[in-house]
Amino acid sequence: MRARRCDFHTHTIFSDGDLIPMELIRRAAVADHRAVAITDHASFSSLDWIAEQVAKDCSKADAWGIDAIPGVEITHVPVRYIDESVDLAKKTGAEIVVVHGETPVEPVESGTNHAAVSNSAVDILAHPGQITEEDAKLAAENDVYLEISCRKGHSLSNGHVASMAVKAGAKLLVNTDAHSPEDLSSMAIATTVARSAGLDPDQIRTALVTNSESLLRKLGRL
């Protein structure tokens, strides 16, 4: 069976993206995506509203043969409150919870990576920058996926993230962190990004296909 693209990290006008959720979903469907998660930036001021609004469009995506998953990206939340925000996100309807990791290009509080991978309710730690091997091991233990990012800036540390994940046995995904329709990536582009991060062909297929399917299964979408 031909592998189709899954992208678990995107943004809409409900945070800093260009499109409404339905249009982003449509563009992903036309681009032959199997699944797309809408994960707008959120914190305590917006978690409930974003999850509720996004779910309305995601629930209609079956018309186009794509799994559209409502979620949030918990962004710049103080480390001491990350667990509370994750719990609130799940309670308010976010099926997938991404935590905005310690990227090299934004002032995310130190300790965010550790808090995220210590919480088994977190699904993905996005662009986790200079993640330590110890935290990568925690990600593996708690089934938190680590992200190889297609986004400029965040992608600077892809090689390090891939290396730590491979050493620790943590699961990798290749996500776009899309903010505009041009950011959505094909399997070919995602493969190039993964190869550039130092992954071999088997590791690339695991990240793009096997791990995507395992996350869909975890979310009850398979």
N, C-alpha and C. Protein backbone atom coordinates (compact mmCIF):
# COMPACT_ATOMS: atom_id res chain seq x y z
N MET A 1 0.84 -1.19 0.00
CA MET A 1 0.00 0.00 0.00
C MET A 1 0.88 1.25 0.00
N ARG A 2 0.54 2.23 -0.81
CA ARG A 2 1.31 3.46 -0.91
C ARG A 2 1.20 4.28 0.38
N ALA A 3 2.34 4.72 0.88
CA ALA A 3 2.35 5.53 2.10
C ALA A 3 1.88 6.94 1.79
N ARG A 4 1.06 7.49 2.66
CA ARG A 4 0.57 8.86 2.50
C ARG A 4 1.05 9.71 3.68
N ARG A 5 1.14 10.97 3.44
CA ARG A 5 1.71 11.91 4.42
C ARG A 5 0.78 12.14 5.61
N CYS A 6 1.37 12.19 6.79
CA CYS A 6 0.67 12.60 8.01
C CYS A 6 1.44 13.77 8.60
N ASP A 7 0.74 14.80 8.99
CA ASP A 7 1.37 15.99 9.57
C ASP A 7 0.62 16.33 10.85
N PHE A 8 1.32 16.26 11.98
CA PHE A 8 0.67 16.40 13.28
C PHE A 8 0.95 17.74 13.96
N HIS A 9 1.35 18.76 13.18
CA HIS A 9 1.67 20.05 13.79
C HIS A 9 1.43 21.15 12.77
N THR A 10 0.28 21.84 12.88
CA THR A 10 -0.07 22.93 11.98
C THR A 10 -0.80 24.03 12.73
N HIS A 11 -0.87 25.22 12.09
CA HIS A 11 -1.49 26.38 12.73
C HIS A 11 -2.46 27.08 11.78
N THR A 12 -3.48 27.70 12.35
CA THR A 12 -4.50 28.40 11.58
C THR A 12 -4.65 29.84 12.11
N ILE A 13 -5.67 30.54 11.63
CA ILE A 13 -5.91 31.91 12.10
C ILE A 13 -6.27 31.97 13.57
N PHE A 14 -6.55 30.82 14.19
CA PHE A 14 -6.85 30.82 15.61
C PHE A 14 -5.59 31.04 16.46
N SER A 15 -4.41 31.03 15.82
CA SER A 15 -3.20 31.52 16.49
C SER A 15 -2.46 32.40 15.50
N ASP A 16 -1.39 31.90 14.89
CA ASP A 16 -0.61 32.76 14.00
C ASP A 16 -0.50 32.21 12.58
N GLY A 17 -1.47 31.39 12.17
CA GLY A 17 -1.49 30.87 10.81
C GLY A 17 -2.30 31.73 9.87
N ASP A 18 -2.30 31.36 8.59
CA ASP A 18 -2.95 32.17 7.55
C ASP A 18 -4.37 31.73 7.20
N LEU A 19 -4.71 30.47 7.47
CA LEU A 19 -5.97 29.91 6.99
C LEU A 19 -6.91 29.54 8.13
N ILE A 20 -8.20 29.49 7.83
CA ILE A 20 -9.14 28.90 8.78
C ILE A 20 -8.90 27.39 8.79
N PRO A 21 -9.31 26.69 9.83
CA PRO A 21 -9.05 25.25 9.89
C PRO A 21 -9.58 24.48 8.68
N MET A 22 -10.79 24.77 8.24
CA MET A 22 -11.36 24.00 7.15
C MET A 22 -10.53 24.13 5.87
N GLU A 23 -10.03 25.34 5.59
CA GLU A 23 -9.22 25.49 4.38
C GLU A 23 -7.89 24.76 4.51
N LEU A 24 -7.29 24.80 5.68
CA LEU A 24 -6.04 24.07 5.86
C LEU A 24 -6.27 22.58 5.68
N ILE A 25 -7.36 22.08 6.23
CA ILE A 25 -7.70 20.66 6.06
C ILE A 25 -7.91 20.33 4.59
N ARG A 26 -8.63 21.20 3.88
CA ARG A 26 -8.87 20.97 2.45
C ARG A 26 -7.57 20.92 1.67
N ARG A 27 -6.67 21.85 1.94
CA ARG A 27 -5.41 21.88 1.22
C ARG A 27 -4.56 20.63 1.54
N ALA A 28 -4.62 20.16 2.77
CA ALA A 28 -3.91 18.93 3.12
C ALA A 28 -4.52 17.73 2.40
N ALA A 29 -5.85 17.71 2.29
CA ALA A 29 -6.51 16.62 1.59
C ALA A 29 -6.13 16.61 0.11
N VAL A 30 -6.13 17.78 -0.52
CA VAL A 30 -5.76 17.88 -1.93
C VAL A 30 -4.29 17.47 -2.13
N ALA A 31 -3.47 17.72 -1.13
CA ALA A 31 -2.06 17.33 -1.19
C ALA A 31 -1.85 15.86 -0.84
N ASP A 32 -2.93 15.11 -0.75
CA ASP A 32 -2.89 13.66 -0.54
C ASP A 32 -2.40 13.27 0.85
N HIS A 33 -2.74 14.08 1.85
CA HIS A 33 -2.42 13.72 3.22
C HIS A 33 -3.42 12.68 3.74
N ARG A 34 -2.91 11.77 4.49
CA ARG A 34 -3.76 10.80 5.18
C ARG A 34 -4.37 11.41 6.44
N ALA A 35 -3.58 12.25 7.12
CA ALA A 35 -4.03 12.86 8.37
C ALA A 35 -3.35 14.21 8.56
N VAL A 36 -4.08 15.11 9.23
CA VAL A 36 -3.50 16.39 9.61
C VAL A 36 -4.06 16.77 10.98
N ALA A 37 -3.19 17.25 11.85
CA ALA A 37 -3.64 17.74 13.16
C ALA A 37 -3.57 19.26 13.15
N ILE A 38 -4.62 19.89 13.68
CA ILE A 38 -4.66 21.34 13.83
C ILE A 38 -4.27 21.65 15.26
N THR A 39 -3.10 22.26 15.43
CA THR A 39 -2.53 22.41 16.76
C THR A 39 -2.12 23.86 17.01
N ASP A 40 -3.10 24.73 17.11
CA ASP A 40 -2.80 26.15 17.29
C ASP A 40 -2.15 26.42 18.65
N HIS A 41 -1.31 27.46 18.67
CA HIS A 41 -0.68 27.89 19.91
C HIS A 41 -1.76 28.21 20.94
N ALA A 42 -1.57 27.74 22.17
CA ALA A 42 -2.58 27.96 23.19
C ALA A 42 -1.95 27.95 24.58
N SER A 43 -2.65 28.62 25.49
CA SER A 43 -2.30 28.58 26.91
C SER A 43 -3.61 28.67 27.69
N PHE A 44 -3.54 29.00 28.94
CA PHE A 44 -4.75 28.97 29.77
C PHE A 44 -5.83 29.94 29.28
N SER A 45 -5.44 31.00 28.61
CA SER A 45 -6.41 31.99 28.14
C SER A 45 -7.21 31.52 26.94
N SER A 46 -6.72 30.49 26.25
CA SER A 46 -7.35 30.12 24.97
C SER A 46 -7.55 28.64 24.74
N LEU A 47 -7.07 27.79 25.62
CA LEU A 47 -7.12 26.34 25.40
C LEU A 47 -8.53 25.84 25.09
N ASP A 48 -9.49 26.22 25.92
CA ASP A 48 -10.83 25.66 25.76
C ASP A 48 -11.48 26.15 24.47
N TRP A 49 -11.34 27.44 24.19
CA TRP A 49 -11.97 28.02 23.00
C TRP A 49 -11.38 27.43 21.72
N ILE A 50 -10.06 27.34 21.64
CA ILE A 50 -9.41 26.81 20.44
C ILE A 50 -9.79 25.36 20.20
N ALA A 51 -9.73 24.53 21.23
CA ALA A 51 -10.07 23.13 21.06
C ALA A 51 -11.50 22.96 20.57
N GLU A 52 -12.41 23.74 21.10
CA GLU A 52 -13.82 23.64 20.72
C GLU A 52 -14.02 24.08 19.27
N GLN A 53 -13.43 25.19 18.87
CA GLN A 53 -13.63 25.71 17.52
C GLN A 53 -13.01 24.80 16.46
N VAL A 54 -11.80 24.37 16.69
CA VAL A 54 -11.12 23.51 15.72
C VAL A 54 -11.86 22.20 15.52
N ALA A 55 -12.40 21.65 16.60
CA ALA A 55 -13.11 20.38 16.51
C ALA A 55 -14.31 20.45 15.57
N LYS A 56 -14.92 21.62 15.46
CA LYS A 56 -16.09 21.77 14.60
C LYS A 56 -15.74 21.50 13.14
N ASP A 57 -14.61 22.02 12.68
CA ASP A 57 -14.20 21.77 11.30
C ASP A 57 -13.63 20.36 11.13
N CYS A 58 -12.86 19.92 12.11
CA CYS A 58 -12.26 18.58 12.00
C CYS A 58 -13.32 17.49 11.89
N SER A 59 -14.46 17.71 12.52
CA SER A 59 -15.51 16.69 12.51
C SER A 59 -16.14 16.50 11.13
N LYS A 60 -15.93 17.44 10.22
CA LYS A 60 -16.52 17.35 8.88
C LYS A 60 -15.52 16.90 7.82
N ALA A 61 -14.29 16.64 8.21
CA ALA A 61 -13.25 16.34 7.23
C ALA A 61 -13.40 14.96 6.60
N ASP A 62 -14.22 14.10 7.17
CA ASP A 62 -14.41 12.77 6.59
C ASP A 62 -14.93 12.86 5.16
N ALA A 63 -15.57 13.97 4.81
CA ALA A 63 -16.09 14.16 3.45
C ALA A 63 -14.98 14.12 2.41
N TRP A 64 -13.75 14.42 2.84
CA TRP A 64 -12.62 14.48 1.91
C TRP A 64 -11.63 13.34 2.10
N GLY A 65 -11.98 12.35 2.92
CA GLY A 65 -11.13 11.19 3.08
C GLY A 65 -9.83 11.45 3.82
N ILE A 66 -9.86 12.40 4.73
CA ILE A 66 -8.68 12.72 5.53
C ILE A 66 -9.06 12.73 7.00
N ASP A 67 -8.15 12.25 7.84
CA ASP A 67 -8.33 12.35 9.29
C ASP A 67 -7.86 13.73 9.73
N ALA A 68 -8.75 14.55 10.24
CA ALA A 68 -8.39 15.87 10.76
C ALA A 68 -8.56 15.82 12.28
N ILE A 69 -7.49 16.10 12.99
CA ILE A 69 -7.45 15.86 14.43
C ILE A 69 -7.34 17.19 15.17
N PRO A 70 -8.30 17.50 16.03
CA PRO A 70 -8.23 18.75 16.79
C PRO A 70 -7.21 18.65 17.93
N GLY A 71 -6.38 19.67 18.03
CA GLY A 71 -5.38 19.66 19.09
C GLY A 71 -4.96 21.06 19.46
N VAL A 72 -3.90 21.16 20.22
CA VAL A 72 -3.30 22.43 20.60
C VAL A 72 -1.79 22.26 20.70
N GLU A 73 -1.08 23.37 20.58
CA GLU A 73 0.33 23.40 20.92
C GLU A 73 0.48 24.30 22.14
N ILE A 74 0.76 23.71 23.26
CA ILE A 74 0.95 24.46 24.49
C ILE A 74 2.26 25.23 24.37
N THR A 75 2.15 26.58 24.43
CA THR A 75 3.24 27.44 23.99
C THR A 75 3.65 28.43 25.07
N HIS A 76 4.93 28.40 25.44
CA HIS A 76 5.50 29.34 26.41
C HIS A 76 4.72 29.34 27.74
N VAL A 77 4.22 28.20 28.14
CA VAL A 77 3.59 28.07 29.46
C VAL A 77 4.70 27.84 30.48
N PRO A 78 4.64 28.51 31.63
CA PRO A 78 5.68 28.29 32.65
C PRO A 78 5.82 26.81 32.98
N VAL A 79 7.04 26.38 33.17
CA VAL A 79 7.31 24.96 33.42
C VAL A 79 6.46 24.42 34.56
N ARG A 80 6.30 25.19 35.62
CA ARG A 80 5.57 24.70 36.79
C ARG A 80 4.09 24.45 36.50
N TYR A 81 3.58 25.00 35.37
CA TYR A 81 2.17 24.85 35.04
C TYR A 81 1.92 23.99 33.79
N ILE A 82 2.96 23.38 33.26
CA ILE A 82 2.77 22.58 32.04
C ILE A 82 1.84 21.41 32.28
N ASP A 83 2.02 20.67 33.36
CA ASP A 83 1.14 19.53 33.63
C ASP A 83 -0.31 19.97 33.74
N GLU A 84 -0.54 21.10 34.38
CA GLU A 84 -1.90 21.61 34.53
C GLU A 84 -2.48 21.98 33.16
N SER A 85 -1.67 22.57 32.30
CA SER A 85 -2.17 22.96 30.98
C SER A 85 -2.45 21.74 30.11
N VAL A 86 -1.64 20.72 30.22
CA VAL A 86 -1.87 19.49 29.46
C VAL A 86 -3.18 18.83 29.90
N ASP A 87 -3.39 18.78 31.19
CA ASP A 87 -4.62 18.20 31.72
C ASP A 87 -5.84 18.99 31.24
N LEU A 88 -5.76 20.31 31.27
CA LEU A 88 -6.86 21.14 30.80
C LEU A 88 -7.11 20.94 29.31
N ALA A 89 -6.04 20.84 28.54
CA ALA A 89 -6.19 20.65 27.09
C ALA A 89 -6.96 19.38 26.79
N LYS A 90 -6.62 18.30 27.45
CA LYS A 90 -7.31 17.03 27.22
C LYS A 90 -8.77 17.13 27.65
N LYS A 91 -9.02 17.79 28.76
CA LYS A 91 -10.39 17.91 29.27
C LYS A 91 -11.26 18.77 28.37
N THR A 92 -10.67 19.71 27.65
CA THR A 92 -11.45 20.63 26.82
C THR A 92 -11.57 20.16 25.38
N GLY A 93 -11.10 18.94 25.09
CA GLY A 93 -11.37 18.36 23.77
C GLY A 93 -10.21 18.27 22.81
N ALA A 94 -9.02 18.63 23.23
CA ALA A 94 -7.86 18.47 22.36
C ALA A 94 -7.47 17.00 22.31
N GLU A 95 -7.62 16.39 21.14
CA GLU A 95 -7.28 14.97 21.01
C GLU A 95 -5.77 14.76 20.97
N ILE A 96 -5.06 15.76 20.49
CA ILE A 96 -3.61 15.66 20.42
C ILE A 96 -3.00 16.89 21.08
N VAL A 97 -2.05 16.66 21.97
CA VAL A 97 -1.40 17.75 22.70
C VAL A 97 0.07 17.80 22.33
N VAL A 98 0.46 18.91 21.74
CA VAL A 98 1.85 19.20 21.40
C VAL A 98 2.37 20.22 22.39
N VAL A 99 3.59 20.06 22.83
CA VAL A 99 4.22 21.08 23.68
C VAL A 99 5.33 21.74 22.87
N HIS A 100 5.33 23.06 22.88
CA HIS A 100 6.32 23.87 22.18
C HIS A 100 7.66 23.71 22.89
N GLY A 101 8.57 22.98 22.25
CA GLY A 101 9.83 22.65 22.89
C GLY A 101 10.82 23.79 22.93
N GLU A 102 11.98 23.51 23.49
CA GLU A 102 13.04 24.50 23.66
C GLU A 102 13.81 24.69 22.36
N THR A 103 13.14 25.29 21.40
CA THR A 103 13.73 25.60 20.11
C THR A 103 14.91 26.56 20.25
N PRO A 104 15.88 26.49 19.34
CA PRO A 104 17.02 27.41 19.42
C PRO A 104 16.70 28.84 19.02
N VAL A 105 15.50 29.10 18.51
CA VAL A 105 15.21 30.45 18.00
C VAL A 105 14.12 31.18 18.77
N GLU A 106 13.69 30.63 19.91
CA GLU A 106 12.69 31.31 20.73
C GLU A 106 13.06 31.14 22.21
N PRO A 107 12.67 32.09 23.06
CA PRO A 107 13.07 32.06 24.47
C PRO A 107 12.17 31.19 25.35
N VAL A 108 12.01 29.94 24.96
CA VAL A 108 11.20 29.02 25.76
C VAL A 108 11.94 28.72 27.08
N GLU A 109 11.19 28.67 28.17
CA GLU A 109 11.79 28.48 29.48
C GLU A 109 12.55 27.16 29.56
N SER A 110 13.75 27.22 30.10
CA SER A 110 14.54 26.02 30.33
C SER A 110 13.77 25.07 31.25
N GLY A 111 13.78 23.80 30.90
CA GLY A 111 13.04 22.80 31.67
C GLY A 111 11.74 22.39 31.00
N THR A 112 11.34 23.12 29.94
CA THR A 112 10.11 22.78 29.22
C THR A 112 10.20 21.39 28.59
N ASN A 113 11.34 21.09 27.96
CA ASN A 113 11.49 19.76 27.36
C ASN A 113 11.31 18.67 28.40
N HIS A 114 11.95 18.85 29.54
CA HIS A 114 11.89 17.83 30.60
C HIS A 114 10.47 17.65 31.11
N ALA A 115 9.78 18.76 31.33
CA ALA A 115 8.39 18.67 31.82
C ALA A 115 7.50 17.96 30.81
N ALA A 116 7.70 18.24 29.53
CA ALA A 116 6.86 17.64 28.50
C ALA A 116 7.07 16.13 28.40
N VAL A 117 8.33 15.70 28.35
CA VAL A 117 8.59 14.27 28.17
C VAL A 117 8.34 13.48 29.45
N SER A 118 8.18 14.16 30.58
CA SER A 118 7.85 13.48 31.83
C SER A 118 6.37 13.21 31.97
N ASN A 119 5.56 13.76 31.07
CA ASN A 119 4.11 13.66 31.15
C ASN A 119 3.60 12.77 30.03
N SER A 120 3.09 11.60 30.37
CA SER A 120 2.65 10.64 29.36
C SER A 120 1.39 11.08 28.62
N ALA A 121 0.74 12.15 29.08
CA ALA A 121 -0.42 12.67 28.37
C ALA A 121 -0.03 13.59 27.22
N VAL A 122 1.24 13.97 27.16
CA VAL A 122 1.75 14.76 26.03
C VAL A 122 1.97 13.81 24.86
N ASP A 123 1.54 14.22 23.68
CA ASP A 123 1.71 13.38 22.50
C ASP A 123 3.00 13.68 21.76
N ILE A 124 3.31 14.96 21.58
CA ILE A 124 4.49 15.36 20.80
C ILE A 124 5.22 16.50 21.49
N LEU A 125 6.54 16.39 21.55
CA LEU A 125 7.37 17.52 21.94
C LEU A 125 7.92 18.11 20.65
N ALA A 126 7.45 19.31 20.30
CA ALA A 126 7.82 19.93 19.04
C ALA A 126 9.21 20.55 19.11
N HIS A 127 9.92 20.46 17.98
CA HIS A 127 11.24 21.10 17.82
C HIS A 127 11.96 21.27 19.15
N PRO A 128 12.41 20.16 19.76
CA PRO A 128 12.95 20.23 21.12
C PRO A 128 14.40 20.67 21.24
N GLY A 129 14.94 21.30 20.20
CA GLY A 129 16.25 21.95 20.30
C GLY A 129 17.34 21.03 20.81
N GLN A 130 18.04 21.47 21.82
CA GLN A 130 19.17 20.70 22.35
C GLN A 130 18.71 19.74 23.45
N ILE A 131 17.76 18.89 23.11
CA ILE A 131 17.26 17.91 24.07
C ILE A 131 18.39 17.00 24.54
N THR A 132 18.38 16.67 25.80
CA THR A 132 19.41 15.79 26.34
C THR A 132 19.07 14.33 26.07
N GLU A 133 20.08 13.49 26.15
CA GLU A 133 19.83 12.06 25.98
C GLU A 133 18.93 11.54 27.10
N GLU A 134 19.09 12.08 28.29
CA GLU A 134 18.25 11.66 29.42
C GLU A 134 16.78 11.98 29.16
N ASP A 135 16.51 13.16 28.62
CA ASP A 135 15.13 13.52 28.33
C ASP A 135 14.60 12.74 27.13
N ALA A 136 15.45 12.41 26.19
CA ALA A 136 15.02 11.56 25.08
C ALA A 136 14.63 10.18 25.59
N LYS A 137 15.35 9.68 26.59
CA LYS A 137 14.99 8.39 27.20
C LYS A 137 13.64 8.49 27.90
N LEU A 138 13.38 9.61 28.58
CA LEU A 138 12.07 9.81 29.21
C LEU A 138 10.97 9.85 28.15
N ALA A 139 11.25 10.46 27.01
CA ALA A 139 10.27 10.49 25.92
C ALA A 139 9.94 9.08 25.48
N ALA A 140 10.95 8.24 25.36
CA ALA A 140 10.73 6.84 24.97
C ALA A 140 9.89 6.11 26.01
N GLU A 141 10.21 6.32 27.27
CA GLU A 141 9.50 5.64 28.36
C GLU A 141 8.03 6.07 28.43
N ASN A 142 7.77 7.34 28.16
CA ASN A 142 6.41 7.89 28.30
C ASN A 142 5.65 7.99 26.98
N ASP A 143 6.23 7.43 25.92
CA ASP A 143 5.59 7.41 24.61
C ASP A 143 5.27 8.82 24.11
N VAL A 144 6.21 9.73 24.32
CA VAL A 144 6.11 11.09 23.79
C VAL A 144 6.95 11.15 22.52
N TYR A 145 6.35 11.54 21.42
CA TYR A 145 7.06 11.59 20.14
C TYR A 145 7.89 12.87 20.06
N LEU A 146 9.08 12.74 19.49
CA LEU A 146 9.96 13.89 19.28
C LEU A 146 9.88 14.31 17.82
N GLU A 147 9.96 15.61 17.59
CA GLU A 147 9.70 16.15 16.26
C GLU A 147 10.97 16.55 15.52
N ILE A 148 11.07 16.07 14.27
CA ILE A 148 11.97 16.63 13.28
C ILE A 148 11.15 17.69 12.55
N SER A 149 11.62 18.92 12.54
CA SER A 149 10.82 20.04 12.06
C SER A 149 11.22 20.47 10.65
N CYS A 150 10.22 20.72 9.83
CA CYS A 150 10.45 21.28 8.50
C CYS A 150 10.54 22.80 8.53
N ARG A 151 10.31 23.41 9.67
CA ARG A 151 10.22 24.87 9.74
C ARG A 151 11.58 25.53 9.90
N LYS A 152 11.78 26.59 9.14
CA LYS A 152 13.02 27.36 9.19
C LYS A 152 13.28 27.81 10.63
N GLY A 153 14.51 27.75 11.04
CA GLY A 153 14.87 28.14 12.40
C GLY A 153 14.79 26.96 13.35
N HIS A 154 13.60 26.45 13.53
CA HIS A 154 13.43 25.29 14.40
C HIS A 154 14.22 24.09 13.88
N SER A 155 14.37 24.01 12.56
CA SER A 155 15.05 22.86 11.95
C SER A 155 16.56 22.86 12.17
N LEU A 156 17.10 23.95 12.72
CA LEU A 156 18.54 24.03 12.92
C LEU A 156 19.07 22.89 13.79
N SER A 157 18.25 22.41 14.70
CA SER A 157 18.70 21.37 15.63
C SER A 157 18.20 19.98 15.27
N ASN A 158 17.68 19.81 14.05
CA ASN A 158 17.14 18.50 13.66
C ASN A 158 18.15 17.37 13.80
N GLY A 159 19.39 17.62 13.41
CA GLY A 159 20.41 16.58 13.48
C GLY A 159 20.64 16.12 14.91
N HIS A 160 20.69 17.07 15.82
CA HIS A 160 20.89 16.72 17.24
C HIS A 160 19.69 15.95 17.77
N VAL A 161 18.47 16.41 17.46
CA VAL A 161 17.26 15.74 17.93
C VAL A 161 17.22 14.31 17.41
N ALA A 162 17.52 14.12 16.14
CA ALA A 162 17.51 12.78 15.56
C ALA A 162 18.53 11.88 16.25
N SER A 163 19.72 12.41 16.49
CA SER A 163 20.77 11.63 17.14
C SER A 163 20.37 11.19 18.54
N MET A 164 19.81 12.11 19.33
CA MET A 164 19.39 11.77 20.69
C MET A 164 18.25 10.76 20.68
N ALA A 165 17.31 10.93 19.76
CA ALA A 165 16.17 10.00 19.68
C ALA A 165 16.63 8.60 19.32
N VAL A 166 17.53 8.49 18.36
CA VAL A 166 18.03 7.17 17.95
C VAL A 166 18.77 6.50 19.10
N LYS A 167 19.60 7.26 19.81
CA LYS A 167 20.34 6.70 20.95
C LYS A 167 19.40 6.21 22.04
N ALA A 168 18.33 6.96 22.27
CA ALA A 168 17.43 6.67 23.39
C ALA A 168 16.28 5.74 23.02
N GLY A 169 16.09 5.49 21.73
CA GLY A 169 14.96 4.67 21.31
C GLY A 169 13.64 5.41 21.33
N ALA A 170 13.70 6.75 21.25
CA ALA A 170 12.47 7.55 21.23
C ALA A 170 11.90 7.59 19.81
N LYS A 171 10.59 7.76 19.72
CA LYS A 171 9.93 7.79 18.42
C LYS A 171 10.02 9.20 17.82
N LEU A 172 10.32 9.24 16.52
CA LEU A 172 10.42 10.50 15.79
C LEU A 172 9.26 10.65 14.82
N LEU A 173 8.86 11.90 14.61
CA LEU A 173 7.91 12.27 13.56
C LEU A 173 8.52 13.42 12.77
N VAL A 174 8.11 13.56 11.51
CA VAL A 174 8.53 14.71 10.71
C VAL A 174 7.29 15.57 10.47
N ASN A 175 7.25 16.72 11.13
CA ASN A 175 6.10 17.62 11.03
C ASN A 175 6.52 18.95 10.40
N THR A 176 5.53 19.67 9.86
CA THR A 176 5.85 20.92 9.17
C THR A 176 5.83 22.14 10.08
N ASP A 177 5.01 22.11 11.15
CA ASP A 177 4.77 23.34 11.91
C ASP A 177 4.23 24.40 10.95
N ALA A 178 3.30 23.97 10.08
CA ALA A 178 2.80 24.83 9.01
C ALA A 178 2.05 26.04 9.55
N HIS A 179 2.34 27.21 8.98
CA HIS A 179 1.61 28.43 9.28
C HIS A 179 0.92 28.98 8.04
N SER A 180 1.31 28.50 6.88
CA SER A 180 0.71 28.92 5.62
C SER A 180 0.57 27.70 4.73
N PRO A 181 -0.27 27.78 3.68
CA PRO A 181 -0.46 26.60 2.82
C PRO A 181 0.82 26.13 2.16
N GLU A 182 1.74 27.04 1.90
CA GLU A 182 3.00 26.67 1.26
C GLU A 182 3.89 25.83 2.17
N ASP A 183 3.60 25.84 3.46
CA ASP A 183 4.43 25.08 4.41
C ASP A 183 4.13 23.59 4.39
N LEU A 184 2.94 23.19 3.96
CA LEU A 184 2.60 21.78 3.94
C LEU A 184 3.59 21.03 3.05
N SER A 185 4.06 19.89 3.50
CA SER A 185 5.11 19.18 2.77
C SER A 185 4.63 17.83 2.24
N SER A 186 5.14 17.47 1.10
CA SER A 186 4.88 16.16 0.51
C SER A 186 5.75 15.12 1.21
N MET A 187 5.50 13.84 0.90
CA MET A 187 6.36 12.78 1.43
C MET A 187 7.79 12.98 0.95
N ALA A 188 7.95 13.44 -0.28
CA ALA A 188 9.30 13.63 -0.83
C ALA A 188 10.07 14.69 -0.04
N ILE A 189 9.41 15.80 0.25
CA ILE A 189 10.08 16.87 1.00
C ILE A 189 10.36 16.41 2.43
N ALA A 190 9.39 15.75 3.04
CA ALA A 190 9.59 15.27 4.41
C ALA A 190 10.74 14.26 4.46
N THR A 191 10.85 13.45 3.43
CA THR A 191 11.96 12.49 3.35
C THR A 191 13.29 13.21 3.27
N THR A 192 13.35 14.27 2.49
CA THR A 192 14.58 15.06 2.37
C THR A 192 14.97 15.68 3.71
N VAL A 193 13.97 16.22 4.42
CA VAL A 193 14.23 16.81 5.74
C VAL A 193 14.77 15.75 6.70
N ALA A 194 14.15 14.58 6.69
CA ALA A 194 14.60 13.50 7.59
C ALA A 194 16.00 13.03 7.22
N ARG A 195 16.28 12.92 5.93
CA ARG A 195 17.61 12.51 5.48
C ARG A 195 18.66 13.55 5.88
N SER A 196 18.29 14.80 5.78
CA SER A 196 19.20 15.88 6.16
C SER A 196 19.50 15.88 7.66
N ALA A 197 18.58 15.31 8.44
CA ALA A 197 18.79 15.20 9.89
C ALA A 197 19.68 14.03 10.25
N GLY A 198 20.06 13.24 9.24
CA GLY A 198 20.98 12.14 9.49
C GLY A 198 20.34 10.77 9.60
N LEU A 199 19.05 10.67 9.30
CA LEU A 199 18.38 9.38 9.39
C LEU A 199 18.66 8.54 8.14
N ASP A 200 18.78 7.22 8.33
CA ASP A 200 18.98 6.33 7.19
C ASP A 200 17.61 5.94 6.62
N PRO A 201 17.56 5.26 5.47
CA PRO A 201 16.27 4.95 4.84
C PRO A 201 15.28 4.23 5.73
N ASP A 202 15.74 3.25 6.51
CA ASP A 202 14.82 2.54 7.40
C ASP A 202 14.30 3.46 8.50
N GLN A 203 15.15 4.29 9.04
CA GLN A 203 14.72 5.23 10.08
C GLN A 203 13.76 6.28 9.52
N ILE A 204 13.97 6.67 8.28
CA ILE A 204 13.07 7.63 7.64
C ILE A 204 11.69 7.03 7.48
N ARG A 205 11.62 5.80 7.00
CA ARG A 205 10.31 5.16 6.83
C ARG A 205 9.62 4.98 8.18
N THR A 206 10.40 4.65 9.21
CA THR A 206 9.81 4.51 10.55
C THR A 206 9.21 5.84 11.00
N ALA A 207 9.94 6.93 10.81
CA ALA A 207 9.45 8.24 11.24
C ALA A 207 8.22 8.68 10.46
N LEU A 208 8.23 8.46 9.16
CA LEU A 208 7.17 8.97 8.30
C LEU A 208 5.94 8.08 8.23
N VAL A 209 6.15 6.78 8.37
CA VAL A 209 5.03 5.84 8.18
C VAL A 209 4.70 5.08 9.47
N THR A 210 5.67 4.31 9.97
CA THR A 210 5.39 3.46 11.14
C THR A 210 4.97 4.28 12.35
N ASN A 211 5.71 5.34 12.65
CA ASN A 211 5.40 6.14 13.83
C ASN A 211 4.12 6.95 13.65
N SER A 212 3.86 7.40 12.42
CA SER A 212 2.60 8.09 12.16
C SER A 212 1.42 7.16 12.42
N GLU A 213 1.54 5.93 11.96
CA GLU A 213 0.46 4.96 12.18
C GLU A 213 0.32 4.63 13.66
N SER A 214 1.44 4.54 14.38
CA SER A 214 1.35 4.22 15.81
C SER A 214 0.68 5.36 16.57
N LEU A 215 0.93 6.61 16.16
CA LEU A 215 0.28 7.73 16.83
C LEU A 215 -1.21 7.76 16.49
N LEU A 216 -1.56 7.50 15.24
CA LEU A 216 -2.98 7.43 14.88
C LEU A 216 -3.70 6.36 15.66
N ARG A 217 -2.99 5.25 15.88
CA ARG A 217 -3.58 4.16 16.67
C ARG A 217 -3.76 4.58 18.12
N LYS A 218 -2.76 5.25 18.67
CA LYS A 218 -2.82 5.76 20.05
C LYS A 218 -4.00 6.71 20.22
N LEU A 219 -4.28 7.50 19.20
CA LEU A 219 -5.37 8.47 19.25
C LEU A 219 -6.72 7.86 18.93
N GLY A 220 -6.74 6.57 18.63
CA GLY A 220 -8.00 5.90 18.30
C GLY A 220 -8.46 6.18 16.89
N ARG A 221 -7.53 6.55 16.02
CA ARG A 221 -7.88 6.89 14.63
C ARG A 221 -7.61 5.73 13.67
N LEU A 222 -7.12 4.62 14.18
CA LEU A 222 -6.92 3.41 13.38
C LEU A 222 -7.59 2.24 14.07
